[in-house]
Amino acid sequence: MPHRVIWFDIPVSDLDRAIGFYSHVLSAKVEKQFPGQPVAVIEHGESDVSGCLHQSEDRPSDHGPLLYFNVQGRLDDAVAQAERYGGRIVKAKHQIGPYGWRALIQDSEGNRIALHSE
């Protein structure tokens, strides 16, 4: 069955700052790939769901859909990186039943996201 979610755009105010934040928190490449476009794509494989950071008039928000990012066993480090690179902890690491652990944070741009690990 194909993924129900296939792509996401995260609104940002400062693209370079957001690239630094997400590349360190996710421990993944986040690169500008379209010359002249205010977009940076988050590293992903052929069949992975991924998305991009997009600088536009859309404002970052701490309301609305909540994106969960898999930080693959490095939740404590990801939370520390989030704080180091301009994020804010909204809800510290906590267990979510049999589904693992998560922390809710606000990214460097003001978007609310979840970091998840089993």
PDB file of N, CA and C in Angstrom:
ATOM      1  N   MET A   1       0.841  -1.176   0.000  1.00  0.00           N
ATOM      2  CA  MET A   1       0.000   0.000   0.000  1.00  0.00           C
ATOM      3  C   MET A   1       0.888   1.242   0.000  1.00  0.00           C
ATOM      4  N   PRO A   2       0.609   2.205  -0.847  1.00  0.00           N
ATOM      5  CA  PRO A   2       1.423   3.427  -0.875  1.00  0.00           C
ATOM      6  C   PRO A   2       1.201   4.259   0.389  1.00  0.00           C
ATOM      7  N   HIS A   3       2.191   5.100   0.699  1.00  0.00           N
ATOM      8  CA  HIS A   3       2.074   5.998   1.849  1.00  0.00           C
ATOM      9  C   HIS A   3       0.895   6.936   1.648  1.00  0.00           C
ATOM     10  N   ARG A   4       0.152   7.182   2.693  1.00  0.00           N
ATOM     11  CA  ARG A   4      -0.949   8.159   2.621  1.00  0.00           C
ATOM     12  C   ARG A   4      -0.399   9.576   2.585  1.00  0.00           C
ATOM     13  N   VAL A   5       0.624   9.826   3.360  1.00  0.00           N
ATOM     14  CA  VAL A   5       1.311  11.119   3.318  1.00  0.00           C
ATOM     15  C   VAL A   5       2.495  10.948   2.391  1.00  0.00           C
ATOM     16  N   ILE A   6       2.643  11.828   1.413  1.00  0.00           N
ATOM     17  CA  ILE A   6       3.723  11.654   0.440  1.00  0.00           C
ATOM     18  C   ILE A   6       4.764  12.775   0.479  1.00  0.00           C
ATOM     19  N   TRP A   7       4.396  13.940   0.989  1.00  0.00           N
ATOM     20  CA  TRP A   7       5.305  15.083   0.966  1.00  0.00           C
ATOM     21  C   TRP A   7       4.788  16.116   1.940  1.00  0.00           C
ATOM     22  N   PHE A   8       5.674  16.972   2.426  1.00  0.00           N
ATOM     23  CA  PHE A   8       5.242  18.092   3.253  1.00  0.00           C
ATOM     24  C   PHE A   8       6.140  19.289   2.993  1.00  0.00           C
ATOM     25  N   ASP A   9       5.575  20.456   3.139  1.00  0.00           N
ATOM     26  CA  ASP A   9       6.309  21.718   3.095  1.00  0.00           C
ATOM     27  C   ASP A   9       6.240  22.325   4.488  1.00  0.00           C
ATOM     28  N   ILE A  10       7.382  22.697   5.024  1.00  0.00           N
ATOM     29  CA  ILE A  10       7.428  23.356   6.322  1.00  0.00           C
ATOM     30  C   ILE A  10       7.739  24.827   6.070  1.00  0.00           C
ATOM     31  N   PRO A  11       6.834  25.725   6.467  1.00  0.00           N
ATOM     32  CA  PRO A  11       7.105  27.150   6.241  1.00  0.00           C
ATOM     33  C   PRO A  11       8.217  27.644   7.165  1.00  0.00           C
ATOM     34  N   VAL A  12       9.115  28.456   6.625  1.00  0.00           N
ATOM     35  CA  VAL A  12      10.215  29.015   7.409  1.00  0.00           C
ATOM     36  C   VAL A  12      10.360  30.497   7.095  1.00  0.00           C
ATOM     37  N   SER A  13      10.896  31.223   8.060  1.00  0.00           N
ATOM     38  CA  SER A  13      11.162  32.649   7.866  1.00  0.00           C
ATOM     39  C   SER A  13      12.589  32.883   7.389  1.00  0.00           C
ATOM     40  N   ASP A  14      13.515  32.066   7.887  1.00  0.00           N
ATOM     41  CA  ASP A  14      14.927  32.194   7.553  1.00  0.00           C
ATOM     42  C   ASP A  14      15.415  30.819   7.083  1.00  0.00           C
ATOM     43  N   LEU A  15      15.564  30.647   5.786  1.00  0.00           N
ATOM     44  CA  LEU A  15      15.886  29.342   5.212  1.00  0.00           C
ATOM     45  C   LEU A  15      17.217  28.792   5.717  1.00  0.00           C
ATOM     46  N   ASP A  16      18.246  29.605   5.764  1.00  0.00           N
ATOM     47  CA  ASP A  16      19.554  29.111   6.208  1.00  0.00           C
ATOM     48  C   ASP A  16      19.523  28.678   7.673  1.00  0.00           C
ATOM     49  N   ARG A  17      18.857  29.445   8.511  1.00  0.00           N
ATOM     50  CA  ARG A  17      18.739  29.069   9.922  1.00  0.00           C
ATOM     51  C   ARG A  17      17.972  27.746  10.049  1.00  0.00           C
ATOM     52  N   ALA A  18      16.880  27.604   9.296  1.00  0.00           N
ATOM     53  CA  ALA A  18      16.071  26.381   9.345  1.00  0.00           C
ATOM     54  C   ALA A  18      16.859  25.181   8.817  1.00  0.00           C
ATOM     55  N   ILE A  19      17.683  25.378   7.783  1.00  0.00           N
ATOM     56  CA  ILE A  19      18.533  24.290   7.273  1.00  0.00           C
ATOM     57  C   ILE A  19      19.467  23.815   8.382  1.00  0.00           C
ATOM     58  N   GLY A  20      20.091  24.742   9.102  1.00  0.00           N
ATOM     59  CA  GLY A  20      20.975  24.374  10.207  1.00  0.00           C
ATOM     60  C   GLY A  20      20.224  23.617  11.286  1.00  0.00           C
ATOM     61  N   PHE A  21      19.048  24.088  11.638  1.00  0.00           N
ATOM     62  CA  PHE A  21      18.241  23.436  12.676  1.00  0.00           C
ATOM     63  C   PHE A  21      17.896  22.016  12.273  1.00  0.00           C
ATOM     64  N   TYR A  22      17.257  21.816  11.128  1.00  0.00           N
ATOM     65  CA  TYR A  22      16.791  20.490  10.734  1.00  0.00           C
ATOM     66  C   TYR A  22      17.930  19.535  10.400  1.00  0.00           C
ATOM     67  N   SER A  23      19.009  20.020   9.818  1.00  0.00           N
ATOM     68  CA  SER A  23      20.116  19.108   9.511  1.00  0.00           C
ATOM     69  C   SER A  23      20.734  18.553  10.794  1.00  0.00           C
ATOM     70  N   HIS A  24      20.814  19.360  11.847  1.00  0.00           N
ATOM     71  CA  HIS A  24      21.384  18.880  13.112  1.00  0.00           C
ATOM     72  C   HIS A  24      20.395  18.045  13.910  1.00  0.00           C
ATOM     73  N   VAL A  25      19.148  18.458  13.969  1.00  0.00           N
ATOM     74  CA  VAL A  25      18.153  17.724  14.750  1.00  0.00           C
ATOM     75  C   VAL A  25      17.869  16.357  14.126  1.00  0.00           C
ATOM     76  N   LEU A  26      17.720  16.313  12.796  1.00  0.00           N
ATOM     77  CA  LEU A  26      17.415  15.052  12.117  1.00  0.00           C
ATOM     78  C   LEU A  26      18.671  14.262  11.760  1.00  0.00           C
ATOM     79  N   SER A  27      19.833  14.870  11.904  1.00  0.00           N
ATOM     80  CA  SER A  27      21.087  14.238  11.511  1.00  0.00           C
ATOM     81  C   SER A  27      20.986  13.755  10.067  1.00  0.00           C
ATOM     82  N   ALA A  28      20.545  14.668   9.208  1.00  0.00           N
ATOM     83  CA  ALA A  28      20.319  14.366   7.790  1.00  0.00           C
ATOM     84  C   ALA A  28      20.723  15.579   6.956  1.00  0.00           C
ATOM     85  N   LYS A  29      21.007  15.322   5.690  1.00  0.00           N
ATOM     86  CA  LYS A  29      21.305  16.406   4.759  1.00  0.00           C
ATOM     87  C   LYS A  29      20.031  17.177   4.461  1.00  0.00           C
ATOM     88  N   VAL A  30      20.127  18.486   4.511  1.00  0.00           N
ATOM     89  CA  VAL A  30      19.028  19.361   4.097  1.00  0.00           C
ATOM     90  C   VAL A  30      19.669  20.353   3.141  1.00  0.00           C
ATOM     91  N   GLU A  31      19.286  20.277   1.863  1.00  0.00           N
ATOM     92  CA  GLU A  31      20.012  21.041   0.842  1.00  0.00           C
ATOM     93  C   GLU A  31      19.092  21.851  -0.055  1.00  0.00           C
ATOM     94  N   LYS A  32      19.609  23.026  -0.428  1.00  0.00           N
ATOM     95  CA  LYS A  32      18.949  23.807  -1.469  1.00  0.00           C
ATOM     96  C   LYS A  32      19.208  23.057  -2.772  1.00  0.00           C
ATOM     97  N   GLN A  33      18.154  22.740  -3.514  1.00  0.00           N
ATOM     98  CA  GLN A  33      18.318  21.960  -4.740  1.00  0.00           C
ATOM     99  C   GLN A  33      17.794  22.650  -5.990  1.00  0.00           C
ATOM    100  N   PHE A  34      17.115  23.756  -5.818  1.00  0.00           N
ATOM    101  CA  PHE A  34      16.521  24.447  -6.949  1.00  0.00           C
ATOM    102  C   PHE A  34      17.045  25.877  -6.982  1.00  0.00           C
ATOM    103  N   PRO A  35      18.067  26.152  -7.825  1.00  0.00           N
ATOM    104  CA  PRO A  35      18.662  27.487  -7.867  1.00  0.00           C
ATOM    105  C   PRO A  35      17.592  28.572  -8.037  1.00  0.00           C
ATOM    106  N   GLY A  36      17.715  29.593  -7.219  1.00  0.00           N
ATOM    107  CA  GLY A  36      16.786  30.707  -7.300  1.00  0.00           C
ATOM    108  C   GLY A  36      15.471  30.489  -6.565  1.00  0.00           C
ATOM    109  N   GLN A  37      15.266  29.315  -6.023  1.00  0.00           N
ATOM    110  CA  GLN A  37      14.031  29.010  -5.288  1.00  0.00           C
ATOM    111  C   GLN A  37      14.333  28.942  -3.792  1.00  0.00           C
ATOM    112  N   PRO A  38      13.485  29.512  -2.950  1.00  0.00           N
ATOM    113  CA  PRO A  38      13.724  29.484  -1.504  1.00  0.00           C
ATOM    114  C   PRO A  38      13.250  28.178  -0.863  1.00  0.00           C
ATOM    115  N   VAL A  39      13.855  27.064  -1.302  1.00  0.00           N
ATOM    116  CA  VAL A  39      13.441  25.726  -0.887  1.00  0.00           C
ATOM    117  C   VAL A  39      14.672  24.894  -0.544  1.00  0.00           C
ATOM    118  N   ALA A  40      14.566  24.083   0.512  1.00  0.00           N
ATOM    119  CA  ALA A  40      15.620  23.125   0.857  1.00  0.00           C
ATOM    120  C   ALA A  40      14.958  21.781   1.137  1.00  0.00           C
ATOM    121  N   VAL A  41      15.432  20.732   0.470  1.00  0.00           N
ATOM    122  CA  VAL A  41      14.835  19.399   0.570  1.00  0.00           C
ATOM    123  C   VAL A  41      15.532  18.584   1.656  1.00  0.00           C
ATOM    124  N   ILE A  42      14.722  17.880   2.450  1.00  0.00           N
ATOM    125  CA  ILE A  42      15.243  16.995   3.489  1.00  0.00           C
ATOM    126  C   ILE A  42      15.606  15.660   2.846  1.00  0.00           C
ATOM    127  N   GLU A  43      16.820  15.198   3.119  1.00  0.00           N
ATOM    128  CA  GLU A  43      17.337  13.945   2.556  1.00  0.00           C
ATOM    129  C   GLU A  43      16.330  12.807   2.744  1.00  0.00           C
ATOM    130  N   HIS A  44      16.176  11.994   1.686  1.00  0.00           N
ATOM    131  CA  HIS A  44      15.259  10.854   1.747  1.00  0.00           C
ATOM    132  C   HIS A  44      15.610   9.837   0.672  1.00  0.00           C
ATOM    133  N   GLY A  45      15.159   8.609   0.870  1.00  0.00           N
ATOM    134  CA  GLY A  45      15.352   7.552  -0.116  1.00  0.00           C
ATOM    135  C   GLY A  45      14.207   7.536  -1.110  1.00  0.00           C
ATOM    136  N   GLU A  46      14.328   6.688  -2.106  1.00  0.00           N
ATOM    137  CA  GLU A  46      13.334   6.589  -3.178  1.00  0.00           C
ATOM    138  C   GLU A  46      11.906   6.399  -2.688  1.00  0.00           C
ATOM    139  N   SER A  47      11.692   5.520  -1.713  1.00  0.00           N
ATOM    140  CA  SER A  47      10.332   5.218  -1.275  1.00  0.00           C
ATOM    141  C   SER A  47       9.975   5.883   0.058  1.00  0.00           C
ATOM    142  N   ASP A  48      10.844   6.764   0.560  1.00  0.00           N
ATOM    143  CA  ASP A  48      10.592   7.436   1.835  1.00  0.00           C
ATOM    144  C   ASP A  48       9.661   8.624   1.661  1.00  0.00           C
ATOM    145  N   VAL A  49       8.903   8.905   2.690  1.00  0.00           N
ATOM    146  CA  VAL A  49       8.145  10.142   2.756  1.00  0.00           C
ATOM    147  C   VAL A  49       9.111  11.222   3.211  1.00  0.00           C
ATOM    148  N   SER A  50       9.067  12.360   2.595  1.00  0.00           N
ATOM    149  CA  SER A  50       9.927  13.458   3.014  1.00  0.00           C
ATOM    150  C   SER A  50       9.255  14.768   2.658  1.00  0.00           C
ATOM    151  N   GLY A  51      10.026  15.842   2.731  1.00  0.00           N
ATOM    152  CA  GLY A  51       9.481  17.146   2.440  1.00  0.00           C
ATOM    153  C   GLY A  51      10.578  18.174   2.344  1.00  0.00           C
ATOM    154  N   CYS A  52      10.156  19.416   2.421  1.00  0.00           N
ATOM    155  CA  CYS A  52      11.121  20.492   2.270  1.00  0.00           C
ATOM    156  C   CYS A  52      10.806  21.637   3.213  1.00  0.00           C
ATOM    157  N   LEU A  53      11.796  22.478   3.363  1.00  0.00           N
ATOM    158  CA  LEU A  53      11.645  23.757   4.046  1.00  0.00           C
ATOM    159  C   LEU A  53      11.369  24.774   2.949  1.00  0.00           C
ATOM    160  N   HIS A  54      10.390  25.634   3.161  1.00  0.00           N
ATOM    161  CA  HIS A  54       9.994  26.571   2.115  1.00  0.00           C
ATOM    162  C   HIS A  54       9.831  27.960   2.708  1.00  0.00           C
ATOM    163  N   GLN A  55      10.680  28.886   2.238  1.00  0.00           N
ATOM    164  CA  GLN A  55      10.582  30.268   2.706  1.00  0.00           C
ATOM    165  C   GLN A  55       9.593  30.995   1.808  1.00  0.00           C
ATOM    166  N   SER A  56       8.531  31.513   2.415  1.00  0.00           N
ATOM    167  CA  SER A  56       7.504  32.220   1.648  1.00  0.00           C
ATOM    168  C   SER A  56       6.770  33.164   2.581  1.00  0.00           C
ATOM    169  N   GLU A  57       5.659  33.681   2.096  1.00  0.00           N
ATOM    170  CA  GLU A  57       4.844  34.557   2.935  1.00  0.00           C
ATOM    171  C   GLU A  57       4.029  33.765   3.951  1.00  0.00           C
ATOM    172  N   ASP A  58       3.945  32.427   3.779  1.00  0.00           N
ATOM    173  CA  ASP A  58       3.272  31.595   4.773  1.00  0.00           C
ATOM    174  C   ASP A  58       4.048  31.693   6.078  1.00  0.00           C
ATOM    175  N   ARG A  59       3.341  31.849   7.174  1.00  0.00           N
ATOM    176  CA  ARG A  59       4.018  32.005   8.457  1.00  0.00           C
ATOM    177  C   ARG A  59       4.129  30.672   9.184  1.00  0.00           C
ATOM    178  N   PRO A  60       5.280  30.439   9.838  1.00  0.00           N
ATOM    179  CA  PRO A  60       5.400  29.264  10.697  1.00  0.00           C
ATOM    180  C   PRO A  60       4.301  29.307  11.765  1.00  0.00           C
ATOM    181  N   SER A  61       3.909  28.126  12.274  1.00  0.00           N
ATOM    182  CA  SER A  61       2.805  28.075  13.223  1.00  0.00           C
ATOM    183  C   SER A  61       3.008  26.964  14.249  1.00  0.00           C
ATOM    184  N   ASP A  62       2.507  27.205  15.447  1.00  0.00           N
ATOM    185  CA  ASP A  62       2.525  26.153  16.462  1.00  0.00           C
ATOM    186  C   ASP A  62       1.129  25.540  16.605  1.00  0.00           C
ATOM    187  N   HIS A  63       0.276  25.767  15.617  1.00  0.00           N
ATOM    188  CA  HIS A  63      -1.073  25.192  15.558  1.00  0.00           C
ATOM    189  C   HIS A  63      -1.184  24.383  14.277  1.00  0.00           C
ATOM    190  N   GLY A  64      -2.184  23.546  14.201  1.00  0.00           N
ATOM    191  CA  GLY A  64      -2.403  22.787  12.975  1.00  0.00           C
ATOM    192  C   GLY A  64      -1.803  21.396  13.048  1.00  0.00           C
ATOM    193  N   PRO A  65      -1.612  20.750  11.898  1.00  0.00           N
ATOM    194  CA  PRO A  65      -1.110  19.371  11.877  1.00  0.00           C
ATOM    195  C   PRO A  65       0.229  19.249  12.594  1.00  0.00           C
ATOM    196  N   LEU A  66       0.435  18.085  13.192  1.00  0.00           N
ATOM    197  CA  LEU A  66       1.678  17.807  13.912  1.00  0.00           C
ATOM    198  C   LEU A  66       2.471  16.766  13.137  1.00  0.00           C
ATOM    199  N   LEU A  67       3.647  17.145  12.644  1.00  0.00           N
ATOM    200  CA  LEU A  67       4.517  16.219  11.928  1.00  0.00           C
ATOM    201  C   LEU A  67       5.405  15.490  12.923  1.00  0.00           C
ATOM    202  N   TYR A  68       5.500  14.167  12.764  1.00  0.00           N
ATOM    203  CA  TYR A  68       6.381  13.342  13.593  1.00  0.00           C
ATOM    204  C   TYR A  68       7.621  13.012  12.764  1.00  0.00           C
ATOM    205  N   PHE A  69       8.794  13.318  13.300  1.00  0.00           N
ATOM    206  CA  PHE A  69      10.053  12.983  12.654  1.00  0.00           C
ATOM    207  C   PHE A  69      10.707  11.841  13.408  1.00  0.00           C
ATOM    208  N   ASN A  70      11.066  10.777  12.706  1.00  0.00           N
ATOM    209  CA  ASN A  70      11.759   9.641  13.291  1.00  0.00           C
ATOM    210  C   ASN A  70      13.228  10.012  13.468  1.00  0.00           C
ATOM    211  N   VAL A  71      13.690  10.008  14.715  1.00  0.00           N
ATOM    212  CA  VAL A  71      15.100  10.321  14.977  1.00  0.00           C
ATOM    213  C   VAL A  71      15.887   9.065  15.340  1.00  0.00           C
ATOM    214  N   GLN A  72      15.327   7.899  15.059  1.00  0.00           N
ATOM    215  CA  GLN A  72      16.004   6.601  15.051  1.00  0.00           C
ATOM    216  C   GLN A  72      16.930   6.333  16.240  1.00  0.00           C
ATOM    217  N   GLY A  73      16.360   6.295  17.445  1.00  0.00           N
ATOM    218  CA  GLY A  73      17.151   5.926  18.617  1.00  0.00           C
ATOM    219  C   GLY A  73      18.012   7.026  19.190  1.00  0.00           C
ATOM    220  N   ARG A  74      17.893   8.235  18.693  1.00  0.00           N
ATOM    221  CA  ARG A  74      18.722   9.322  19.208  1.00  0.00           C
ATOM    222  C   ARG A  74      17.873  10.504  19.675  1.00  0.00           C
ATOM    223  N   LEU A  75      16.767  10.170  20.360  1.00  0.00           N
ATOM    224  CA  LEU A  75      15.828  11.206  20.804  1.00  0.00           C
ATOM    225  C   LEU A  75      16.481  12.220  21.739  1.00  0.00           C
ATOM    226  N   ASP A  76      17.244  11.762  22.718  1.00  0.00           N
ATOM    227  CA  ASP A  76      17.881  12.697  23.657  1.00  0.00           C
ATOM    228  C   ASP A  76      18.815  13.657  22.918  1.00  0.00           C
ATOM    229  N   ASP A  77      19.609  13.134  21.991  1.00  0.00           N
ATOM    230  CA  ASP A  77      20.509  13.984  21.215  1.00  0.00           C
ATOM    231  C   ASP A  77      19.728  14.949  20.329  1.00  0.00           C
ATOM    232  N   ALA A  78      18.663  14.472  19.695  1.00  0.00           N
ATOM    233  CA  ALA A  78      17.863  15.331  18.820  1.00  0.00           C
ATOM    234  C   ALA A  78      17.248  16.483  19.609  1.00  0.00           C
ATOM    235  N   VAL A  79      16.761  16.212  20.807  1.00  0.00           N
ATOM    236  CA  VAL A  79      16.200  17.269  21.651  1.00  0.00           C
ATOM    237  C   VAL A  79      17.289  18.278  22.016  1.00  0.00           C
ATOM    238  N   ALA A  80      18.476  17.789  22.370  1.00  0.00           N
ATOM    239  CA  ALA A  80      19.594  18.684  22.702  1.00  0.00           C
ATOM    240  C   ALA A  80      19.974  19.539  21.497  1.00  0.00           C
ATOM    241  N   GLN A  81      20.006  18.937  20.315  1.00  0.00           N
ATOM    242  CA  GLN A  81      20.328  19.688  19.099  1.00  0.00           C
ATOM    243  C   GLN A  81      19.253  20.732  18.807  1.00  0.00           C
ATOM    244  N   ALA A  82      18.005  20.376  19.056  1.00  0.00           N
ATOM    245  CA  ALA A  82      16.907  21.329  18.841  1.00  0.00           C
ATOM    246  C   ALA A  82      17.123  22.581  19.683  1.00  0.00           C
ATOM    247  N   GLU A  83      17.434  22.394  20.952  1.00  0.00           N
ATOM    248  CA  GLU A  83      17.674  23.548  21.826  1.00  0.00           C
ATOM    249  C   GLU A  83      18.910  24.323  21.384  1.00  0.00           C
ATOM    250  N   ARG A  84      19.944  23.612  21.007  1.00  0.00           N
ATOM    251  CA  ARG A  84      21.204  24.262  20.597  1.00  0.00           C
ATOM    252  C   ARG A  84      21.027  25.120  19.346  1.00  0.00           C
ATOM    253  N   TYR A  85      20.140  24.699  18.451  1.00  0.00           N
ATOM    254  CA  TYR A  85      19.975  25.402  17.182  1.00  0.00           C
ATOM    255  C   TYR A  85      18.697  26.239  17.112  1.00  0.00           C
ATOM    256  N   GLY A  86      18.250  26.727  18.255  1.00  0.00           N
ATOM    257  CA  GLY A  86      17.184  27.721  18.269  1.00  0.00           C
ATOM    258  C   GLY A  86      15.786  27.201  18.499  1.00  0.00           C
ATOM    259  N   GLY A  87      15.637  25.914  18.800  1.00  0.00           N
ATOM    260  CA  GLY A  87      14.320  25.368  19.089  1.00  0.00           C
ATOM    261  C   GLY A  87      13.963  25.543  20.553  1.00  0.00           C
ATOM    262  N   ARG A  88      12.726  25.177  20.876  1.00  0.00           N
ATOM    263  CA  ARG A  88      12.237  25.282  22.254  1.00  0.00           C
ATOM    264  C   ARG A  88      11.464  24.013  22.578  1.00  0.00           C
ATOM    265  N   ILE A  89      11.704  23.463  23.745  1.00  0.00           N
ATOM    266  CA  ILE A  89      10.991  22.261  24.180  1.00  0.00           C
ATOM    267  C   ILE A  89       9.588  22.665  24.621  1.00  0.00           C
ATOM    268  N   VAL A  90       8.575  22.065  24.001  1.00  0.00           N
ATOM    269  CA  VAL A  90       7.187  22.306  24.372  1.00  0.00           C
ATOM    270  C   VAL A  90       6.754  21.264  25.401  1.00  0.00           C
ATOM    271  N   LYS A  91       7.093  19.997  25.152  1.00  0.00           N
ATOM    272  CA  LYS A  91       6.818  18.907  26.092  1.00  0.00           C
ATOM    273  C   LYS A  91       8.006  17.959  26.024  1.00  0.00           C
ATOM    274  N   ALA A  92       8.667  17.774  27.150  1.00  0.00           N
ATOM    275  CA  ALA A  92       9.875  16.952  27.209  1.00  0.00           C
ATOM    276  C   ALA A  92       9.588  15.505  26.796  1.00  0.00           C
ATOM    277  N   LYS A  93      10.646  14.766  26.590  1.00  0.00           N
ATOM    278  CA  LYS A  93      10.561  13.351  26.206  1.00  0.00           C
ATOM    279  C   LYS A  93       9.583  12.618  27.119  1.00  0.00           C
ATOM    280  N   HIS A  94       8.665  11.886  26.498  1.00  0.00           N
ATOM    281  CA  HIS A  94       7.693  11.108  27.259  1.00  0.00           C
ATOM    282  C   HIS A  94       7.255   9.894  26.445  1.00  0.00           C
ATOM    283  N   GLN A  95       6.828   8.875  27.154  1.00  0.00           N
ATOM    284  CA  GLN A  95       6.413   7.640  26.502  1.00  0.00           C
ATOM    285  C   GLN A  95       5.011   7.807  25.932  1.00  0.00           C
ATOM    286  N   ILE A  96       4.796   7.212  24.762  1.00  0.00           N
ATOM    287  CA  ILE A  96       3.464   7.236  24.153  1.00  0.00           C
ATOM    288  C   ILE A  96       2.986   5.788  24.008  1.00  0.00           C
ATOM    289  N   GLY A  97       2.738   5.191  25.161  1.00  0.00           N
ATOM    290  CA  GLY A  97       2.260   3.813  25.211  1.00  0.00           C
ATOM    291  C   GLY A  97       3.241   2.863  24.559  1.00  0.00           C
ATOM    292  N   PRO A  98       2.723   1.882  23.825  1.00  0.00           N
ATOM    293  CA  PRO A  98       3.600   0.898  23.193  1.00  0.00           C
ATOM    294  C   PRO A  98       4.265   1.423  21.918  1.00  0.00           C
ATOM    295  N   TYR A  99       4.055   2.700  21.594  1.00  0.00           N
ATOM    296  CA  TYR A  99       4.552   3.258  20.330  1.00  0.00           C
ATOM    297  C   TYR A  99       5.881   3.974  20.458  1.00  0.00           C
ATOM    298  N   GLY A 100       6.492   3.908  21.627  1.00  0.00           N
ATOM    299  CA  GLY A 100       7.807   4.505  21.789  1.00  0.00           C
ATOM    300  C   GLY A 100       7.763   5.786  22.592  1.00  0.00           C
ATOM    301  N   TRP A 101       8.641   6.699  22.215  1.00  0.00           N
ATOM    302  CA  TRP A 101       8.848   7.948  22.939  1.00  0.00           C
ATOM    303  C   TRP A 101       8.762   9.120  21.979  1.00  0.00           C
ATOM    304  N   ARG A 102       8.364  10.266  22.517  1.00  0.00           N
ATOM    305  CA  ARG A 102       8.366  11.474  21.700  1.00  0.00           C
ATOM    306  C   ARG A 102       8.681  12.676  22.564  1.00  0.00           C
ATOM    307  N   ALA A 103       9.070  13.749  21.916  1.00  0.00           N
ATOM    308  CA  ALA A 103       9.207  15.060  22.536  1.00  0.00           C
ATOM    309  C   ALA A 103       8.554  16.040  21.578  1.00  0.00           C
ATOM    310  N   LEU A 104       7.816  16.979  22.112  1.00  0.00           N
ATOM    311  CA  LEU A 104       7.222  18.029  21.285  1.00  0.00           C
ATOM    312  C   LEU A 104       8.107  19.253  21.392  1.00  0.00           C
ATOM    313  N   ILE A 105       8.471  19.799  20.246  1.00  0.00           N
ATOM    314  CA  ILE A 105       9.333  20.975  20.248  1.00  0.00           C
ATOM    315  C   ILE A 105       8.791  22.015  19.282  1.00  0.00           C
ATOM    316  N   GLN A 106       9.292  23.212  19.442  1.00  0.00           N
ATOM    317  CA  GLN A 106       9.044  24.273  18.476  1.00  0.00           C
ATOM    318  C   GLN A 106      10.359  24.450  17.735  1.00  0.00           C
ATOM    319  N   ASP A 107      10.317  24.402  16.412  1.00  0.00           N
ATOM    320  CA  ASP A 107      11.562  24.516  15.650  1.00  0.00           C
ATOM    321  C   ASP A 107      12.100  25.938  15.685  1.00  0.00           C
ATOM    322  N   SER A 108      13.189  26.180  14.994  1.00  0.00           N
ATOM    323  CA  SER A 108      13.836  27.496  15.002  1.00  0.00           C
ATOM    324  C   SER A 108      12.958  28.574  14.380  1.00  0.00           C
ATOM    325  N   GLU A 109      11.903  28.174  13.675  1.00  0.00           N
ATOM    326  CA  GLU A 109      11.042  29.123  12.985  1.00  0.00           C
ATOM    327  C   GLU A 109       9.700  29.336  13.683  1.00  0.00           C
ATOM    328  N   GLY A 110       9.395  28.509  14.698  1.00  0.00           N
ATOM    329  CA  GLY A 110       8.137  28.643  15.418  1.00  0.00           C
ATOM    330  C   GLY A 110       7.110  27.567  15.107  1.00  0.00           C
ATOM    331  N   ASN A 111       7.476  26.569  14.282  1.00  0.00           N
ATOM    332  CA  ASN A 111       6.577  25.452  13.977  1.00  0.00           C
ATOM    333  C   ASN A 111       6.644  24.411  15.093  1.00  0.00           C
ATOM    334  N   ARG A 112       5.500  23.842  15.468  1.00  0.00           N
ATOM    335  CA  ARG A 112       5.464  22.758  16.436  1.00  0.00           C
ATOM    336  C   ARG A 112       5.659  21.447  15.683  1.00  0.00           C
ATOM    337  N   ILE A 113       6.619  20.621  16.147  1.00  0.00           N
ATOM    338  CA  ILE A 113       6.872  19.309  15.554  1.00  0.00           C
ATOM    339  C   ILE A 113       7.092  18.298  16.668  1.00  0.00           C
ATOM    340  N   ALA A 114       7.000  17.005  16.320  1.00  0.00           N
ATOM    341  CA  ALA A 114       7.282  15.932  17.268  1.00  0.00           C
ATOM    342  C   ALA A 114       8.528  15.188  16.812  1.00  0.00           C
ATOM    343  N   LEU A 115       9.382  14.868  17.764  1.00  0.00           N
ATOM    344  CA  LEU A 115      10.528  13.992  17.498  1.00  0.00           C
ATOM    345  C   LEU A 115      10.174  12.661  18.118  1.00  0.00           C
ATOM    346  N   HIS A 116      10.348  11.567  17.367  1.00  0.00           N
ATOM    347  CA  HIS A 116       9.893  10.250  17.802  1.00  0.00           C
ATOM    348  C   HIS A 116      11.009   9.223  17.691  1.00  0.00           C
ATOM    349  N   SER A 117      11.023   8.287  18.637  1.00  0.00           N
ATOM    350  CA  SER A 117      11.933   7.152  18.585  1.00  0.00           C
ATOM    351  C   SER A 117      11.315   6.005  19.364  1.00  0.00           C
ATOM    352  N   GLU A 118      11.635   4.786  18.949  1.00  0.00           N
ATOM    353  CA  GLU A 118      11.131   3.618  19.681  1.00  0.00           C
ATOM    354  C   GLU A 118      12.072   3.255  20.788  1.00  0.00           C
TER     355      GLU A 118
END
